N, C-alpha and C. Protein backbone atom coordinates (compact mmCIF):
# COMPACT_ATOMS: atom_id res chain seq x y z
N MET A 1 100.43 70.86 84.31
CA MET A 1 99.46 72.03 83.77
C MET A 1 99.25 72.04 82.22
N ASP A 2 98.13 72.15 82.40
CA ASP A 2 97.69 72.25 80.75
C ASP A 2 98.37 73.53 80.42
N LYS A 3 98.85 73.52 78.81
CA LYS A 3 99.81 75.17 78.86
C LYS A 3 98.45 76.00 77.95
N THR A 4 96.89 75.55 78.35
CA THR A 4 95.97 76.27 78.02
C THR A 4 95.54 77.32 79.01
N GLU A 5 95.94 76.67 80.20
CA GLU A 5 95.46 77.11 81.57
C GLU A 5 96.05 77.49 82.71
N GLY A 6 96.19 78.95 82.81
CA GLY A 6 97.38 78.84 83.79
C GLY A 6 96.32 79.27 85.08
N THR A 7 97.30 80.03 86.00
CA THR A 7 96.90 80.25 87.56
C THR A 7 97.42 81.54 87.74
N ASN A 8 96.57 82.29 88.69
CA ASN A 8 96.97 83.19 89.48
C ASN A 8 98.61 83.16 89.87
N GLU A 9 99.10 82.17 90.35
CA GLU A 9 100.46 82.42 91.28
C GLU A 9 101.20 82.06 90.51
N ARG A 10 101.11 82.09 89.32
CA ARG A 10 102.27 82.06 88.50
C ARG A 10 102.75 83.27 88.15
N THR A 11 104.10 83.63 88.10
CA THR A 11 104.35 85.32 87.75
C THR A 11 105.43 85.05 86.80
N GLY A 12 105.43 86.43 86.04
CA GLY A 12 106.50 86.54 85.16
C GLY A 12 106.75 85.71 83.94
N ALA A 13 108.15 85.05 83.32
CA ALA A 13 108.15 84.18 81.87
C ALA A 13 106.98 82.74 82.26
N GLU A 14 107.21 82.68 83.37
CA GLU A 14 106.34 81.55 83.56
C GLU A 14 105.21 81.46 83.16
N ALA A 15 103.99 82.65 83.82
CA ALA A 15 103.05 82.85 83.11
C ALA A 15 102.83 82.76 81.76
N ARG A 16 103.57 83.56 81.20
CA ARG A 16 103.60 83.41 79.66
C ARG A 16 104.05 82.48 79.01
N GLU A 17 104.50 81.26 79.52
CA GLU A 17 104.71 79.70 79.36
C GLU A 17 103.68 79.24 79.50
N VAL A 18 102.64 79.79 80.56
CA VAL A 18 101.43 78.83 80.15
C VAL A 18 99.91 79.43 80.07
N GLY A 19 100.48 80.74 79.46
CA GLY A 19 99.31 81.70 79.58
C GLY A 19 99.03 81.13 77.90
N MET A 20 97.67 81.94 77.80
CA MET A 20 96.81 81.74 76.35
C MET A 20 97.01 83.32 75.51
N ASP A 21 96.63 83.16 74.56
CA ASP A 21 96.69 84.69 73.57
C ASP A 21 95.16 84.72 73.82
N PHE A 22 94.31 86.10 73.34
CA PHE A 22 93.50 86.23 73.32
C PHE A 22 92.84 85.86 72.12
N PRO A 23 93.04 85.30 71.23
CA PRO A 23 92.14 84.10 70.18
C PRO A 23 91.70 82.77 71.21
N LEU A 24 92.99 82.30 71.71
CA LEU A 24 92.33 81.12 72.37
C LEU A 24 91.44 81.16 73.85
N ALA A 25 91.58 82.62 74.42
CA ALA A 25 90.65 82.84 75.80
C ALA A 25 89.53 83.37 75.12
N TYR A 26 89.12 83.54 73.74
CA TYR A 26 87.73 84.26 73.09
C TYR A 26 87.35 82.97 73.29
N ARG A 27 88.20 81.83 73.13
CA ARG A 27 87.62 80.13 72.17
C ARG A 27 86.89 79.99 73.94
N LYS A 28 87.65 80.11 74.66
CA LYS A 28 87.01 79.42 76.37
C LYS A 28 86.24 80.12 76.83
N LEU A 29 85.61 81.42 76.15
CA LEU A 29 84.98 82.88 76.32
C LEU A 29 83.28 81.62 75.87
N ALA A 30 83.70 81.26 74.63
CA ALA A 30 82.78 80.94 73.74
C ALA A 30 82.18 79.39 74.43
N GLN A 31 82.85 79.03 75.02
CA GLN A 31 82.96 77.84 75.43
C GLN A 31 82.02 78.13 77.21
N LYS A 32 81.83 78.95 77.34
CA LYS A 32 81.02 79.71 79.09
C LYS A 32 81.81 79.45 80.01
N LYS A 33 83.05 79.56 79.89
CA LYS A 33 84.38 79.56 80.79
C LYS A 33 84.55 81.41 81.09
N SER A 34 85.10 82.00 82.14
CA SER A 34 85.42 83.10 82.28
C SER A 34 87.24 83.16 82.45
N VAL A 35 87.87 84.30 81.70
CA VAL A 35 89.19 84.57 81.51
C VAL A 35 89.81 85.56 82.55
N ALA A 36 90.57 85.69 82.57
CA ALA A 36 91.33 87.04 83.12
C ALA A 36 92.89 87.12 82.84
N ARG A 37 93.31 87.90 83.05
CA ARG A 37 95.13 88.04 82.75
C ARG A 37 95.76 88.31 83.59
N HIS A 38 96.54 87.76 83.72
CA HIS A 38 97.83 87.18 85.08
C HIS A 38 97.95 88.97 85.34
N ASN A 39 98.61 89.63 84.43
CA ASN A 39 98.70 91.24 84.71
C ASN A 39 98.32 92.14 85.30
N TRP A 40 96.70 91.83 84.99
CA TRP A 40 95.96 93.38 85.51
C TRP A 40 96.44 93.60 87.04
N HIS A 41 96.02 94.33 87.09
CA HIS A 41 96.42 95.27 88.42
C HIS A 41 95.56 94.59 89.93
N GLY A 42 94.36 94.87 89.56
CA GLY A 42 93.20 94.67 90.02
C GLY A 42 92.74 92.68 90.03
N LYS A 43 93.15 92.62 91.50
CA LYS A 43 92.70 91.11 91.59
C LYS A 43 91.09 91.24 92.00
N GLY A 44 91.02 89.89 91.31
CA GLY A 44 89.60 89.75 91.17
C GLY A 44 88.24 89.64 90.07
N LEU A 45 89.34 90.22 89.29
CA LEU A 45 88.72 90.57 87.68
C LEU A 45 88.52 89.40 86.83
N LYS A 46 87.25 89.57 86.07
CA LYS A 46 87.14 88.49 85.43
C LYS A 46 86.24 88.89 84.03
N ILE A 47 86.76 88.10 82.92
CA ILE A 47 85.94 88.41 81.57
C ILE A 47 84.72 87.15 81.52
N THR A 48 83.86 87.48 81.14
CA THR A 48 82.56 86.37 80.80
C THR A 48 81.72 86.54 79.63
N MET A 49 81.59 85.46 78.37
CA MET A 49 80.58 86.14 77.76
C MET A 49 79.15 85.74 78.03
N GLN A 50 78.04 86.56 77.64
CA GLN A 50 76.78 87.00 77.54
C GLN A 50 76.00 86.18 76.43
N PHE A 51 75.17 85.57 77.07
CA PHE A 51 74.47 84.99 75.53
C PHE A 51 73.21 84.86 75.64
N PRO A 52 72.60 86.07 74.94
CA PRO A 52 70.84 86.36 75.19
C PRO A 52 69.84 84.95 75.43
N ASP A 53 69.02 84.71 75.51
CA ASP A 53 68.22 84.30 75.70
C ASP A 53 66.77 84.85 75.53
N GLU A 54 65.58 84.15 75.50
CA GLU A 54 64.55 84.99 75.99
C GLU A 54 64.19 86.43 76.66
N HIS A 55 64.75 86.15 77.98
CA HIS A 55 64.71 87.22 78.69
C HIS A 55 65.56 88.42 78.47
N SER A 56 66.22 88.32 77.78
CA SER A 56 67.46 89.38 77.57
C SER A 56 67.14 90.44 76.62
N LYS A 57 67.56 91.30 77.51
CA LYS A 57 67.31 92.89 76.77
C LYS A 57 68.34 93.19 75.72
N MET A 58 69.47 92.37 75.46
CA MET A 58 70.25 92.47 74.53
C MET A 58 70.02 91.57 72.95
N GLY A 59 69.94 91.72 72.38
CA GLY A 59 69.84 90.74 70.84
C GLY A 59 71.09 89.87 70.80
N THR A 60 72.40 90.31 71.38
CA THR A 60 73.55 89.91 70.80
C THR A 60 74.40 89.31 71.85
N THR A 61 75.59 88.35 71.29
CA THR A 61 76.31 88.08 72.58
C THR A 61 77.07 89.43 72.92
N TYR A 62 78.20 89.04 73.83
CA TYR A 62 78.60 90.29 74.24
C TYR A 62 79.51 89.82 75.54
N LEU A 63 80.38 90.57 75.74
CA LEU A 63 81.50 90.76 76.94
C LEU A 63 81.37 91.34 78.06
N TYR A 64 81.50 90.73 79.54
CA TYR A 64 81.23 91.92 80.52
C TYR A 64 82.70 91.72 81.30
N ILE A 65 82.61 93.04 82.10
CA ILE A 65 84.03 92.47 83.33
C ILE A 65 83.46 92.39 84.13
N THR A 66 83.59 91.54 85.56
CA THR A 66 83.21 91.18 86.57
C THR A 66 84.13 92.11 87.43
N MET A 67 83.81 92.40 88.39
CA MET A 67 84.61 93.35 89.32
C MET A 67 84.49 93.30 90.83
N PRO A 68 85.69 92.92 91.77
CA PRO A 68 86.01 92.56 92.87
C PRO A 68 85.05 92.66 93.46
N ASP A 69 83.66 93.44 93.41
CA ASP A 69 82.51 94.03 94.16
C ASP A 69 81.14 93.32 93.68
N GLY A 70 81.89 92.33 92.45
CA GLY A 70 80.62 91.77 91.63
C GLY A 70 80.02 92.92 90.87
N THR A 71 80.52 93.99 90.85
CA THR A 71 79.17 94.78 89.70
C THR A 71 79.58 94.22 87.75
N ASN A 72 79.11 93.89 87.23
CA ASN A 72 79.23 94.10 86.05
C ASN A 72 79.00 95.00 85.45
N ILE A 73 79.85 94.99 84.41
CA ILE A 73 80.23 96.30 82.69
C ILE A 73 80.80 95.66 81.62
N PRO A 74 79.84 96.20 80.97
CA PRO A 74 80.00 95.32 79.48
C PRO A 74 81.70 96.01 79.18
N TRP A 75 82.35 95.18 78.34
CA TRP A 75 83.78 95.18 78.59
C TRP A 75 84.24 94.91 76.92
N LEU A 76 84.85 95.79 76.37
CA LEU A 76 85.80 95.72 75.23
C LEU A 76 87.39 95.49 75.74
N PRO A 77 88.24 94.62 74.64
CA PRO A 77 89.05 94.71 74.54
C PRO A 77 90.25 95.96 74.35
N SER A 78 91.35 96.05 74.92
CA SER A 78 92.04 97.15 74.50
C SER A 78 93.70 96.47 73.35
N GLN A 79 93.93 97.18 73.32
CA GLN A 79 95.27 96.67 72.04
C GLN A 79 95.99 96.04 72.70
N THR A 80 96.22 96.61 73.79
CA THR A 80 97.24 95.63 74.82
C THR A 80 96.82 94.04 75.48
N ASP A 81 95.12 94.10 75.78
CA ASP A 81 94.63 93.14 76.44
C ASP A 81 94.76 92.22 74.93
N LEU A 82 94.92 92.48 73.84
CA LEU A 82 94.47 91.75 72.55
C LEU A 82 95.67 90.60 72.31
N ASN A 83 96.99 91.53 72.13
CA ASN A 83 98.35 91.41 72.40
C ASN A 83 99.01 90.56 73.51
N GLN A 84 98.45 90.29 74.61
CA GLN A 84 99.19 89.82 75.77
C GLN A 84 99.28 88.01 75.79
N VAL A 85 99.69 87.60 76.05
CA VAL A 85 99.70 85.86 76.25
C VAL A 85 99.54 85.53 77.58
N ASP A 86 98.89 86.64 78.57
CA ASP A 86 98.76 85.54 79.67
C ASP A 86 97.63 85.72 80.76
N TRP A 87 96.57 85.28 79.52
CA TRP A 87 95.26 85.05 79.63
C TRP A 87 94.93 83.62 80.75
N HIS A 88 94.33 83.90 81.13
CA HIS A 88 94.04 82.28 81.74
C HIS A 88 92.84 82.05 82.11
N VAL A 89 92.18 81.03 82.21
CA VAL A 89 90.62 80.12 82.70
C VAL A 89 90.70 80.84 84.48
N VAL A 90 89.39 81.17 84.87
CA VAL A 90 89.32 81.94 86.33
C VAL A 90 87.89 80.60 86.36
N ASP A 91 87.50 80.40 87.86
CA ASP A 91 86.35 79.73 88.31
C ASP A 91 85.25 80.83 87.90
């Protein structure tokens, strides 16, 4: 498995070995991929980067979190999120 892309099935130290830090996760977001943290309590959460187009109400790129029910909410990483190495790419 690629060290930059972990999966939800991994736990503990194994997740840290294959997980990404936030700067790498951010680069994946910029490549139009969604990411999540392995150790988040809520399953089905993911972060995506929104890129504005001619129909956007927002004039700049921003991050949003998708909740398990499909609701999207603007999102900012916490200090904990920024310092963890359990980020992985999700579908």
